[in-house]
């Protein structure tokens, strides 16, 4: 996978994780996921994984 794909995949995961977190904390209402503790935990984990992918994609190779 090329570096831009890592950045895009990571950014998508960050956005998804943020949405899941906000749904878990019942900030975004109207979903079966709203107000559920499970998504309050899974969301931040996905955000961290996505941020790590973005960091790997943006990190320059020294070769």
N, C-alpha and C. Protein backbone atom coordinates (compact mmCIF):
# COMPACT_ATOMS: atom_id res chain seq x y z
N UNK A 1 0.85 -1.17 0.00
CA UNK A 1 0.00 0.00 0.00
C UNK A 1 0.90 1.24 0.00
N UNK A 2 0.53 2.22 -0.79
CA UNK A 2 1.33 3.43 -0.85
C UNK A 2 1.00 4.36 0.31
N UNK A 3 1.87 5.34 0.52
CA UNK A 3 1.68 6.25 1.65
C UNK A 3 0.37 7.03 1.60
N UNK A 4 -0.06 7.55 0.44
CA UNK A 4 -1.35 8.27 0.44
C UNK A 4 -2.53 7.38 0.87
N UNK A 5 -2.47 6.11 0.56
CA UNK A 5 -3.54 5.21 0.99
C UNK A 5 -3.56 5.04 2.50
N UNK A 6 -2.39 5.01 3.12
CA UNK A 6 -2.31 4.92 4.58
C UNK A 6 -2.96 6.16 5.21
N UNK A 7 -2.67 7.33 4.62
CA UNK A 7 -3.21 8.58 5.17
C UNK A 7 -4.72 8.62 5.01
N UNK A 8 -5.22 8.24 3.84
CA UNK A 8 -6.67 8.26 3.59
C UNK A 8 -7.37 7.24 4.50
N UNK A 9 -6.83 6.05 4.58
CA UNK A 9 -7.44 5.02 5.44
C UNK A 9 -7.44 5.46 6.90
N UNK A 10 -6.34 6.06 7.34
CA UNK A 10 -6.26 6.55 8.71
C UNK A 10 -7.25 7.68 8.97
N UNK A 11 -7.39 8.59 8.01
CA UNK A 11 -8.33 9.70 8.17
C UNK A 11 -9.77 9.20 8.24
N UNK A 12 -10.09 8.21 7.42
CA UNK A 12 -11.44 7.64 7.46
C UNK A 12 -11.69 6.99 8.82
N UNK A 13 -10.71 6.28 9.34
CA UNK A 13 -10.86 5.65 10.66
C UNK A 13 -11.01 6.70 11.76
N UNK A 14 -10.29 7.80 11.66
CA UNK A 14 -10.40 8.85 12.66
C UNK A 14 -11.82 9.43 12.65
N UNK A 15 -12.34 9.71 11.47
CA UNK A 15 -13.70 10.27 11.37
C UNK A 15 -14.73 9.27 11.90
N UNK A 16 -14.59 8.01 11.49
CA UNK A 16 -15.52 6.98 11.97
C UNK A 16 -15.45 6.86 13.49
N UNK A 17 -14.25 6.85 14.02
CA UNK A 17 -14.08 6.75 15.47
C UNK A 17 -14.68 7.93 16.21
N UNK A 18 -14.53 9.12 15.64
CA UNK A 18 -15.13 10.30 16.27
C UNK A 18 -16.65 10.21 16.27
N UNK A 19 -17.22 9.78 15.16
CA UNK A 19 -18.68 9.63 15.09
C UNK A 19 -19.16 8.59 16.09
N UNK A 20 -18.47 7.45 16.15
CA UNK A 20 -18.85 6.41 17.09
C UNK A 20 -18.74 6.88 18.53
N UNK A 21 -17.68 7.65 18.83
CA UNK A 21 -17.50 8.18 20.17
C UNK A 21 -18.64 9.12 20.53
N UNK A 22 -18.96 10.04 19.62
CA UNK A 22 -20.04 10.99 19.89
C UNK A 22 -21.38 10.28 20.02
N UNK A 23 -21.60 9.23 19.24
CA UNK A 23 -22.84 8.46 19.38
C UNK A 23 -22.84 7.73 20.72
N UNK A 24 -21.73 7.19 21.12
CA UNK A 24 -21.65 6.48 22.39
C UNK A 24 -21.93 7.38 23.58
N UNK A 25 -21.48 8.63 23.49
CA UNK A 25 -21.73 9.60 24.57
C UNK A 25 -23.05 10.33 24.40
N UNK A 26 -23.85 9.89 23.43
CA UNK A 26 -25.18 10.42 23.17
C UNK A 26 -25.18 11.89 22.74
N UNK A 27 -24.09 12.34 22.13
CA UNK A 27 -24.03 13.68 21.56
C UNK A 27 -24.76 13.68 20.22
N UNK A 28 -24.55 12.62 19.44
CA UNK A 28 -25.29 12.40 18.19
C UNK A 28 -26.38 11.39 18.51
N UNK A 29 -27.61 11.82 18.36
CA UNK A 29 -28.74 10.95 18.73
C UNK A 29 -29.41 10.38 17.48
N UNK A 30 -30.33 9.47 17.71
CA UNK A 30 -31.14 8.93 16.62
C UNK A 30 -30.63 7.64 16.03
N UNK A 31 -29.78 6.94 16.75
CA UNK A 31 -29.23 5.69 16.25
C UNK A 31 -29.29 4.65 17.37
N UNK A 32 -29.25 3.39 16.98
CA UNK A 32 -29.21 2.33 17.97
C UNK A 32 -27.89 2.37 18.75
N UNK A 33 -26.87 3.03 18.18
CA UNK A 33 -25.57 3.15 18.84
C UNK A 33 -25.55 4.29 19.84
N UNK A 34 -26.53 5.17 19.81
CA UNK A 34 -26.55 6.35 20.68
C UNK A 34 -26.72 5.95 22.14
N UNK A 35 -25.88 6.53 22.99
CA UNK A 35 -25.97 6.28 24.43
C UNK A 35 -25.50 4.91 24.87
N UNK A 36 -24.73 4.22 24.03
CA UNK A 36 -24.25 2.88 24.35
C UNK A 36 -22.78 2.94 24.76
N UNK A 37 -22.47 2.38 25.91
CA UNK A 37 -21.11 2.41 26.43
C UNK A 37 -20.11 1.73 25.50
N UNK A 38 -20.54 0.71 24.81
CA UNK A 38 -19.65 -0.01 23.90
C UNK A 38 -19.02 0.94 22.89
N UNK A 39 -19.80 1.82 22.30
CA UNK A 39 -19.29 2.73 21.28
C UNK A 39 -18.48 3.86 21.91
N UNK A 40 -18.70 4.13 23.19
CA UNK A 40 -17.88 5.11 23.90
C UNK A 40 -16.47 4.59 24.11
N UNK A 41 -16.29 3.28 24.06
CA UNK A 41 -14.98 2.66 24.22
C UNK A 41 -14.35 2.35 22.86
N UNK A 42 -15.13 1.79 21.96
CA UNK A 42 -14.60 1.41 20.65
C UNK A 42 -14.19 2.64 19.84
N UNK A 43 -14.97 3.71 19.92
CA UNK A 43 -14.69 4.92 19.14
C UNK A 43 -13.29 5.48 19.36
N UNK A 44 -12.90 5.76 20.61
CA UNK A 44 -11.55 6.30 20.84
C UNK A 44 -10.43 5.33 20.42
N UNK A 45 -10.67 4.04 20.55
CA UNK A 45 -9.67 3.06 20.11
C UNK A 45 -9.47 3.17 18.60
N UNK A 46 -10.56 3.29 17.86
CA UNK A 46 -10.48 3.43 16.40
C UNK A 46 -9.81 4.75 16.03
N UNK A 47 -10.07 5.81 16.79
CA UNK A 47 -9.42 7.11 16.53
C UNK A 47 -7.91 6.97 16.68
N UNK A 48 -7.45 6.30 17.72
CA UNK A 48 -6.01 6.13 17.95
C UNK A 48 -5.38 5.29 16.83
N UNK A 49 -6.06 4.23 16.42
CA UNK A 49 -5.54 3.40 15.32
C UNK A 49 -5.46 4.22 14.03
N UNK A 50 -6.50 4.99 13.76
CA UNK A 50 -6.51 5.83 12.56
C UNK A 50 -5.40 6.87 12.59
N UNK A 51 -5.21 7.50 13.75
CA UNK A 51 -4.14 8.50 13.88
C UNK A 51 -2.77 7.86 13.67
N UNK A 52 -2.60 6.63 14.14
CA UNK A 52 -1.33 5.92 13.93
C UNK A 52 -1.11 5.65 12.45
N UNK A 53 -2.17 5.28 11.73
CA UNK A 53 -2.04 5.06 10.29
C UNK A 53 -1.68 6.35 9.55
N UNK A 54 -2.31 7.45 9.95
CA UNK A 54 -1.97 8.74 9.33
C UNK A 54 -0.52 9.08 9.60
N UNK A 55 -0.06 8.85 10.83
CA UNK A 55 1.33 9.15 11.19
C UNK A 55 2.30 8.31 10.35
N UNK A 56 1.98 7.03 10.20
CA UNK A 56 2.84 6.15 9.39
C UNK A 56 2.85 6.62 7.94
N UNK A 57 1.69 7.02 7.44
CA UNK A 57 1.62 7.49 6.05
C UNK A 57 2.36 8.78 5.81
N UNK A 58 2.37 9.67 6.80
CA UNK A 58 3.03 10.96 6.64
C UNK A 58 4.51 10.93 6.97
N UNK A 59 4.93 9.91 7.67
CA UNK A 59 6.34 9.78 8.06
C UNK A 59 7.18 9.52 6.82
N UNK A 60 8.21 10.27 6.67
CA UNK A 60 9.08 10.11 5.51
C UNK A 60 10.07 8.98 5.68
N UNK A 61 10.32 8.26 4.60
CA UNK A 61 11.33 7.19 4.64
C UNK A 61 12.69 7.79 4.43
N UNK A 62 13.64 7.35 5.21
CA UNK A 62 15.01 7.86 5.09
C UNK A 62 15.86 6.82 4.38
N UNK A 63 15.77 6.86 3.05
CA UNK A 63 16.58 5.90 2.29
C UNK A 63 17.27 6.57 1.14
